[in-house]
Amino acid sequence: MKALVLPAPRLEGPISLEAAIEKRRSRRAFRPEQLSSEQIGQLLWAAQGITGSDGRLRAAPSAMEAYPLELYVATADGLDRYSPADHGLETLLERDLREELRSASHDQDSLTSAPAVFVFAAVYSRAFDKLGPGAEPYVHMDLGHAAQNLLLQAAALGLAGVPIAWLEPDRVRAVLELPAEQVPLYLVPVGRCDP
């Protein structure tokens, strides 16, 4: 497997948080321009990156620090898994999976028009181990926090995205060749949009 260390995330951006909130919109049509490794790294870091000096705490909160989410990015080049610990990518598959993701998600065309599709999958056992049998809602809250961070970061970078939850988890898992314990919950296509 190929590994890539991403550029260090920026801690100051070109616009304020308030401006990013105001700009954030769900957009479904994208220009074909590819995202840079800096942009992809910044988006991944905003969603799940390490922000604590002790190497544990992340950009998005997680109930009891269970961190049940796995984060992937699918591009024309293939599928990569984000590693928060080293702010890097591990290449898992080297083929364009976006058409197959579209097919497994009720033919939503934003999945093929976007240059990058971020995939959030949950490992529920991590939350159950820390929180007990009632942990499932907390996983979904973690997902909401992380996805909103990614969408606000996209707005701050002059990009846009849309969270897609209408998908067939088993088919998405098969397309991405994910382990059985990972449940795909959200696909977030991101790219540049016409004004």
C-alpha atoms as a PDB file:
ATOM      1  CA  MET A   1       0.000   0.000   0.000  1.00  0.00           C
ATOM      2  CA  LYS A   2       1.219   3.476  -0.835  1.00  0.00           C
ATOM      3  CA  ALA A   3       1.318   6.048   1.930  1.00  0.00           C
ATOM      4  CA  LEU A   4       1.362   9.810   1.617  1.00  0.00           C
ATOM      5  CA  VAL A   5       1.998  12.342   4.375  1.00  0.00           C
ATOM      6  CA  LEU A   6      -0.253  15.311   3.703  1.00  0.00           C
ATOM      7  CA  PRO A   7       0.878  18.942   3.936  1.00  0.00           C
ATOM      8  CA  ALA A   8       0.502  20.347   7.451  1.00  0.00           C
ATOM      9  CA  PRO A   9      -2.947  21.846   8.028  1.00  0.00           C
ATOM     10  CA  ARG A  10      -3.276  25.619   8.114  1.00  0.00           C
ATOM     11  CA  LEU A  11      -4.440  27.017  11.431  1.00  0.00           C
ATOM     12  CA  GLU A  12      -5.536  30.349   9.952  1.00  0.00           C
ATOM     13  CA  GLY A  13      -7.717  30.730   6.909  1.00  0.00           C
ATOM     14  CA  PRO A  14      -8.671  33.391   4.421  1.00  0.00           C
ATOM     15  CA  ILE A  15     -12.156  33.943   5.902  1.00  0.00           C
ATOM     16  CA  SER A  16     -13.721  33.976   9.356  1.00  0.00           C
ATOM     17  CA  LEU A  17     -15.755  31.117  10.794  1.00  0.00           C
ATOM     18  CA  GLU A  18     -18.826  33.332  10.556  1.00  0.00           C
ATOM     19  CA  ALA A  19     -18.219  33.913   6.846  1.00  0.00           C
ATOM     20  CA  ALA A  20     -17.775  30.161   6.291  1.00  0.00           C
ATOM     21  CA  ILE A  21     -21.082  29.488   8.063  1.00  0.00           C
ATOM     22  CA  GLU A  22     -22.790  32.093   5.896  1.00  0.00           C
ATOM     23  CA  LYS A  23     -21.264  30.654   2.685  1.00  0.00           C
ATOM     24  CA  ARG A  24     -21.978  26.973   3.417  1.00  0.00           C
ATOM     25  CA  ARG A  25     -24.604  25.563   1.073  1.00  0.00           C
ATOM     26  CA  SER A  26     -25.407  22.051  -0.112  1.00  0.00           C
ATOM     27  CA  ARG A  27     -24.280  22.017  -3.730  1.00  0.00           C
ATOM     28  CA  ARG A  28     -24.641  19.101  -6.116  1.00  0.00           C
ATOM     29  CA  ALA A  29     -22.999  20.266  -9.368  1.00  0.00           C
ATOM     30  CA  PHE A  30     -19.236  20.630  -9.492  1.00  0.00           C
ATOM     31  CA  ARG A  31     -16.571  21.759 -11.906  1.00  0.00           C
ATOM     32  CA  PRO A  32     -14.160  18.983 -12.936  1.00  0.00           C
ATOM     33  CA  GLU A  33     -11.024  20.596 -11.421  1.00  0.00           C
ATOM     34  CA  GLN A  34      -9.190  18.210  -9.127  1.00  0.00           C
ATOM     35  CA  LEU A  35      -8.553  19.166  -5.512  1.00  0.00           C
ATOM     36  CA  SER A  36      -4.952  19.683  -4.427  1.00  0.00           C
ATOM     37  CA  SER A  37      -3.354  17.535  -1.738  1.00  0.00           C
ATOM     38  CA  GLU A  38      -3.362  20.660   0.452  1.00  0.00           C
ATOM     39  CA  GLN A  39      -7.127  21.041   0.050  1.00  0.00           C
ATOM     40  CA  ILE A  40      -7.813  17.356   0.648  1.00  0.00           C
ATOM     41  CA  GLY A  41      -5.538  17.358   3.693  1.00  0.00           C
ATOM     42  CA  GLN A  42      -7.199  20.460   5.124  1.00  0.00           C
ATOM     43  CA  LEU A  43     -10.665  18.929   4.690  1.00  0.00           C
ATOM     44  CA  LEU A  44      -9.641  15.635   6.294  1.00  0.00           C
ATOM     45  CA  TRP A  45      -7.953  17.440   9.178  1.00  0.00           C
ATOM     46  CA  ALA A  46     -11.049  19.594   9.803  1.00  0.00           C
ATOM     47  CA  ALA A  47     -13.190  16.456  10.018  1.00  0.00           C
ATOM     48  CA  GLN A  48     -10.978  14.098  12.024  1.00  0.00           C
ATOM     49  CA  GLY A  49      -7.510  15.604  12.403  1.00  0.00           C
ATOM     50  CA  ILE A  50      -5.496  15.618  15.618  1.00  0.00           C
ATOM     51  CA  THR A  51      -5.631  18.983  17.389  1.00  0.00           C
ATOM     52  CA  GLY A  52      -4.460  18.126  20.900  1.00  0.00           C
ATOM     53  CA  SER A  53      -0.809  18.463  21.804  1.00  0.00           C
ATOM     54  CA  ASP A  54      -0.984  14.999  23.376  1.00  0.00           C
ATOM     55  CA  GLY A  55      -1.785  13.431  19.985  1.00  0.00           C
ATOM     56  CA  ARG A  56      -5.269  12.271  20.984  1.00  0.00           C
ATOM     57  CA  LEU A  57      -7.877  15.006  20.737  1.00  0.00           C
ATOM     58  CA  ARG A  58      -9.429  15.715  17.358  1.00  0.00           C
ATOM     59  CA  ALA A  59     -11.005  18.592  15.486  1.00  0.00           C
ATOM     60  CA  ALA A  60     -14.498  17.122  15.963  1.00  0.00           C
ATOM     61  CA  PRO A  61     -15.764  16.024  19.370  1.00  0.00           C
ATOM     62  CA  SER A  62     -16.379  12.358  20.119  1.00  0.00           C
ATOM     63  CA  ALA A  63     -18.386  10.966  23.035  1.00  0.00           C
ATOM     64  CA  MET A  64     -15.961   9.547  25.614  1.00  0.00           C
ATOM     65  CA  GLU A  65     -13.182   9.872  23.009  1.00  0.00           C
ATOM     66  CA  ALA A  66     -14.431   6.691  21.327  1.00  0.00           C
ATOM     67  CA  TYR A  67     -13.569   7.991  17.823  1.00  0.00           C
ATOM     68  CA  PRO A  68     -15.779   5.473  16.021  1.00  0.00           C
ATOM     69  CA  LEU A  69     -15.399   7.049  12.581  1.00  0.00           C
ATOM     70  CA  GLU A  70     -13.141   6.023   9.711  1.00  0.00           C
ATOM     71  CA  LEU A  71     -12.665   8.574   6.949  1.00  0.00           C
ATOM     72  CA  TYR A  72     -11.826   7.876   3.313  1.00  0.00           C
ATOM     73  CA  VAL A  73     -11.531   9.932   0.151  1.00  0.00           C
ATOM     74  CA  ALA A  74     -12.383   8.628  -3.318  1.00  0.00           C
ATOM     75  CA  THR A  75     -10.952  10.463  -6.332  1.00  0.00           C
ATOM     76  CA  ALA A  76     -10.209   9.637  -9.954  1.00  0.00           C
ATOM     77  CA  ASP A  77      -6.959   8.075  -8.684  1.00  0.00           C
ATOM     78  CA  GLY A  78      -8.602   5.646  -6.265  1.00  0.00           C
ATOM     79  CA  LEU A  79      -9.497   5.263  -2.598  1.00  0.00           C
ATOM     80  CA  ASP A  80      -7.381   6.471   0.322  1.00  0.00           C
ATOM     81  CA  ARG A  81      -7.900   6.028   4.063  1.00  0.00           C
ATOM     82  CA  TYR A  82      -7.123   8.982   6.321  1.00  0.00           C
ATOM     83  CA  SER A  83      -4.762   8.359   9.227  1.00  0.00           C
ATOM     84  CA  PRO A  84      -5.276  11.108  11.833  1.00  0.00           C
ATOM     85  CA  ALA A  85      -2.209  10.025  13.839  1.00  0.00           C
ATOM     86  CA  ASP A  86       0.224  11.006  11.097  1.00  0.00           C
ATOM     87  CA  HIS A  87      -2.062  13.239   8.993  1.00  0.00           C
ATOM     88  CA  GLY A  88      -1.514  10.924   6.090  1.00  0.00           C
ATOM     89  CA  LEU A  89      -3.264   8.873   3.450  1.00  0.00           C
ATOM     90  CA  GLU A  90      -2.975   5.162   2.849  1.00  0.00           C
ATOM     91  CA  THR A  91      -3.893   4.133  -0.690  1.00  0.00           C
ATOM     92  CA  LEU A  92      -6.257   1.164  -0.593  1.00  0.00           C
ATOM     93  CA  LEU A  93      -7.530   0.924  -4.174  1.00  0.00           C
ATOM     94  CA  GLU A  94      -6.092   2.425  -7.339  1.00  0.00           C
ATOM     95  CA  ARG A  95      -9.150   2.859  -9.560  1.00  0.00           C
ATOM     96  CA  ASP A  96     -11.928   5.413  -9.854  1.00  0.00           C
ATOM     97  CA  LEU A  97     -14.842   4.184  -7.716  1.00  0.00           C
ATOM     98  CA  ARG A  98     -17.110   7.215  -8.008  1.00  0.00           C
ATOM     99  CA  GLU A  99     -19.408   5.686 -10.659  1.00  0.00           C
ATOM    100  CA  GLU A 100     -19.862   2.600  -8.464  1.00  0.00           C
ATOM    101  CA  LEU A 101     -20.548   4.808  -5.436  1.00  0.00           C
ATOM    102  CA  ARG A 102     -23.181   6.627  -7.474  1.00  0.00           C
ATOM    103  CA  SER A 103     -24.812   3.313  -8.370  1.00  0.00           C
ATOM    104  CA  ALA A 104     -24.811   2.252  -4.694  1.00  0.00           C
ATOM    105  CA  SER A 105     -26.367   5.593  -3.684  1.00  0.00           C
ATOM    106  CA  HIS A 106     -29.549   5.833  -5.756  1.00  0.00           C
ATOM    107  CA  ASP A 107     -27.830   7.346  -8.803  1.00  0.00           C
ATOM    108  CA  GLN A 108     -27.030  10.738  -7.256  1.00  0.00           C
ATOM    109  CA  ASP A 109     -25.003  12.508  -9.937  1.00  0.00           C
ATOM    110  CA  SER A 110     -23.042  14.692  -7.520  1.00  0.00           C
ATOM    111  CA  LEU A 111     -20.998  11.588  -6.709  1.00  0.00           C
ATOM    112  CA  THR A 112     -19.551  11.507 -10.226  1.00  0.00           C
ATOM    113  CA  SER A 113     -19.378  15.243 -10.884  1.00  0.00           C
ATOM    114  CA  ALA A 114     -17.358  15.965  -7.729  1.00  0.00           C
ATOM    115  CA  PRO A 115     -13.584  15.487  -7.959  1.00  0.00           C
ATOM    116  CA  ALA A 116     -13.487  14.070  -4.415  1.00  0.00           C
ATOM    117  CA  VAL A 117     -15.990  12.070  -2.384  1.00  0.00           C
ATOM    118  CA  PHE A 118     -15.343  11.842   1.360  1.00  0.00           C
ATOM    119  CA  VAL A 119     -16.697   8.673   2.934  1.00  0.00           C
ATOM    120  CA  PHE A 120     -17.546   8.450   6.621  1.00  0.00           C
ATOM    121  CA  ALA A 121     -17.856   4.917   7.998  1.00  0.00           C
ATOM    122  CA  ALA A 122     -18.584   3.900  11.585  1.00  0.00           C
ATOM    123  CA  VAL A 123     -17.069   1.170  13.698  1.00  0.00           C
ATOM    124  CA  TYR A 124     -19.868   0.924  16.250  1.00  0.00           C
ATOM    125  CA  SER A 125     -17.942  -1.446  18.522  1.00  0.00           C
ATOM    126  CA  ARG A 126     -15.550   1.361  19.477  1.00  0.00           C
ATOM    127  CA  ALA A 127     -18.448   3.341  20.906  1.00  0.00           C
ATOM    128  CA  PHE A 128     -20.099   0.292  22.499  1.00  0.00           C
ATOM    129  CA  ASP A 129     -16.812  -0.569  24.241  1.00  0.00           C
ATOM    130  CA  LYS A 130     -16.684   2.881  25.866  1.00  0.00           C
ATOM    131  CA  LEU A 131     -20.380   3.776  26.249  1.00  0.00           C
ATOM    132  CA  GLY A 132     -22.234   0.478  26.465  1.00  0.00           C
ATOM    133  CA  PRO A 133     -25.194  -0.842  24.495  1.00  0.00           C
ATOM    134  CA  GLY A 134     -26.906   2.552  24.077  1.00  0.00           C
ATOM    135  CA  ALA A 135     -23.995   4.067  22.160  1.00  0.00           C
ATOM    136  CA  GLU A 136     -25.429   4.156  18.630  1.00  0.00           C
ATOM    137  CA  PRO A 137     -26.915   7.688  18.846  1.00  0.00           C
ATOM    138  CA  TYR A 138     -23.544   9.031  19.977  1.00  0.00           C
ATOM    139  CA  VAL A 139     -21.891   7.626  16.850  1.00  0.00           C
ATOM    140  CA  HIS A 140     -24.414   9.546  14.761  1.00  0.00           C
ATOM    141  CA  MET A 141     -23.715  12.726  16.722  1.00  0.00           C
ATOM    142  CA  ASP A 142     -19.981  12.253  16.109  1.00  0.00           C
ATOM    143  CA  LEU A 143     -20.764  11.905  12.407  1.00  0.00           C
ATOM    144  CA  GLY A 144     -22.724  15.165  12.402  1.00  0.00           C
ATOM    145  CA  HIS A 145     -19.913  17.054  14.126  1.00  0.00           C
ATOM    146  CA  ALA A 146     -17.230  15.734  11.776  1.00  0.00           C
ATOM    147  CA  ALA A 147     -19.242  16.239   8.588  1.00  0.00           C
ATOM    148  CA  GLN A 148     -20.178  19.803   9.526  1.00  0.00           C
ATOM    149  CA  ASN A 149     -16.518  20.594  10.186  1.00  0.00           C
ATOM    150  CA  LEU A 150     -15.653  19.258   6.734  1.00  0.00           C
ATOM    151  CA  LEU A 151     -18.437  21.286   5.073  1.00  0.00           C
ATOM    152  CA  LEU A 152     -17.443  24.510   6.858  1.00  0.00           C
ATOM    153  CA  GLN A 153     -13.812  23.951   5.908  1.00  0.00           C
ATOM    154  CA  ALA A 154     -14.911  23.432   2.309  1.00  0.00           C
ATOM    155  CA  ALA A 155     -16.726  26.779   2.387  1.00  0.00           C
ATOM    156  CA  ALA A 156     -13.642  28.453   3.848  1.00  0.00           C
ATOM    157  CA  LEU A 157     -11.568  27.052   0.952  1.00  0.00           C
ATOM    158  CA  GLY A 158     -14.007  28.336  -1.681  1.00  0.00           C
ATOM    159  CA  LEU A 159     -15.367  24.822  -2.224  1.00  0.00           C
ATOM    160  CA  ALA A 160     -18.764  23.267  -1.602  1.00  0.00           C
ATOM    161  CA  GLY A 161     -20.182  19.871  -0.800  1.00  0.00           C
ATOM    162  CA  VAL A 162     -23.320  17.995   0.102  1.00  0.00           C
ATOM    163  CA  PRO A 163     -23.780  15.239   2.696  1.00  0.00           C
ATOM    164  CA  ILE A 164     -25.448  12.163   1.233  1.00  0.00           C
ATOM    165  CA  ALA A 165     -27.044   9.675   3.611  1.00  0.00           C
ATOM    166  CA  TRP A 166     -29.360   8.040   1.057  1.00  0.00           C
ATOM    167  CA  LEU A 167     -27.102   5.116   0.242  1.00  0.00           C
ATOM    168  CA  GLU A 168     -27.043   1.354   0.486  1.00  0.00           C
ATOM    169  CA  PRO A 169     -24.441   0.674   3.195  1.00  0.00           C
ATOM    170  CA  ASP A 170     -23.727  -2.934   2.202  1.00  0.00           C
ATOM    171  CA  ARG A 171     -23.216  -1.994  -1.456  1.00  0.00           C
ATOM    172  CA  VAL A 172     -20.997   0.970  -0.561  1.00  0.00           C
ATOM    173  CA  ARG A 173     -18.963  -1.267   1.760  1.00  0.00           C
ATOM    174  CA  ALA A 174     -18.539  -3.794  -1.069  1.00  0.00           C
ATOM    175  CA  VAL A 175     -17.527  -1.123  -3.607  1.00  0.00           C
ATOM    176  CA  LEU A 176     -14.869   0.229  -1.247  1.00  0.00           C
ATOM    177  CA  GLU A 177     -13.846  -3.237   0.004  1.00  0.00           C
ATOM    178  CA  LEU A 178     -14.214  -2.105   3.616  1.00  0.00           C
ATOM    179  CA  PRO A 179     -14.013  -4.501   6.569  1.00  0.00           C
ATOM    180  CA  ALA A 180     -17.324  -6.016   7.707  1.00  0.00           C
ATOM    181  CA  GLU A 181     -17.356  -4.025  10.976  1.00  0.00           C
ATOM    182  CA  GLN A 182     -17.355  -0.688   9.127  1.00  0.00           C
ATOM    183  CA  VAL A 183     -20.753   0.770   8.240  1.00  0.00           C
ATOM    184  CA  PRO A 184     -20.748   3.538   5.607  1.00  0.00           C
ATOM    185  CA  LEU A 185     -23.002   6.363   6.836  1.00  0.00           C
ATOM    186  CA  TYR A 186     -22.277   9.469   4.763  1.00  0.00           C
ATOM    187  CA  LEU A 187     -20.804  10.291   1.389  1.00  0.00           C
ATOM    188  CA  VAL A 188     -19.760  13.924   0.972  1.00  0.00           C
ATOM    189  CA  PRO A 189     -18.881  14.966  -2.579  1.00  0.00           C
ATOM    190  CA  VAL A 190     -16.754  18.134  -2.582  1.00  0.00           C
ATOM    191  CA  GLY A 191     -15.488  20.401  -5.320  1.00  0.00           C
ATOM    192  CA  ARG A 192     -15.593  23.823  -6.912  1.00  0.00           C
ATOM    193  CA  CYS A 193     -18.941  25.173  -8.033  1.00  0.00           C
ATOM    194  CA  ASP A 194     -19.964  27.906 -10.402  1.00  0.00           C
ATOM    195  CA  PRO A 195     -21.227  30.978  -8.505  1.00  0.00           C
END
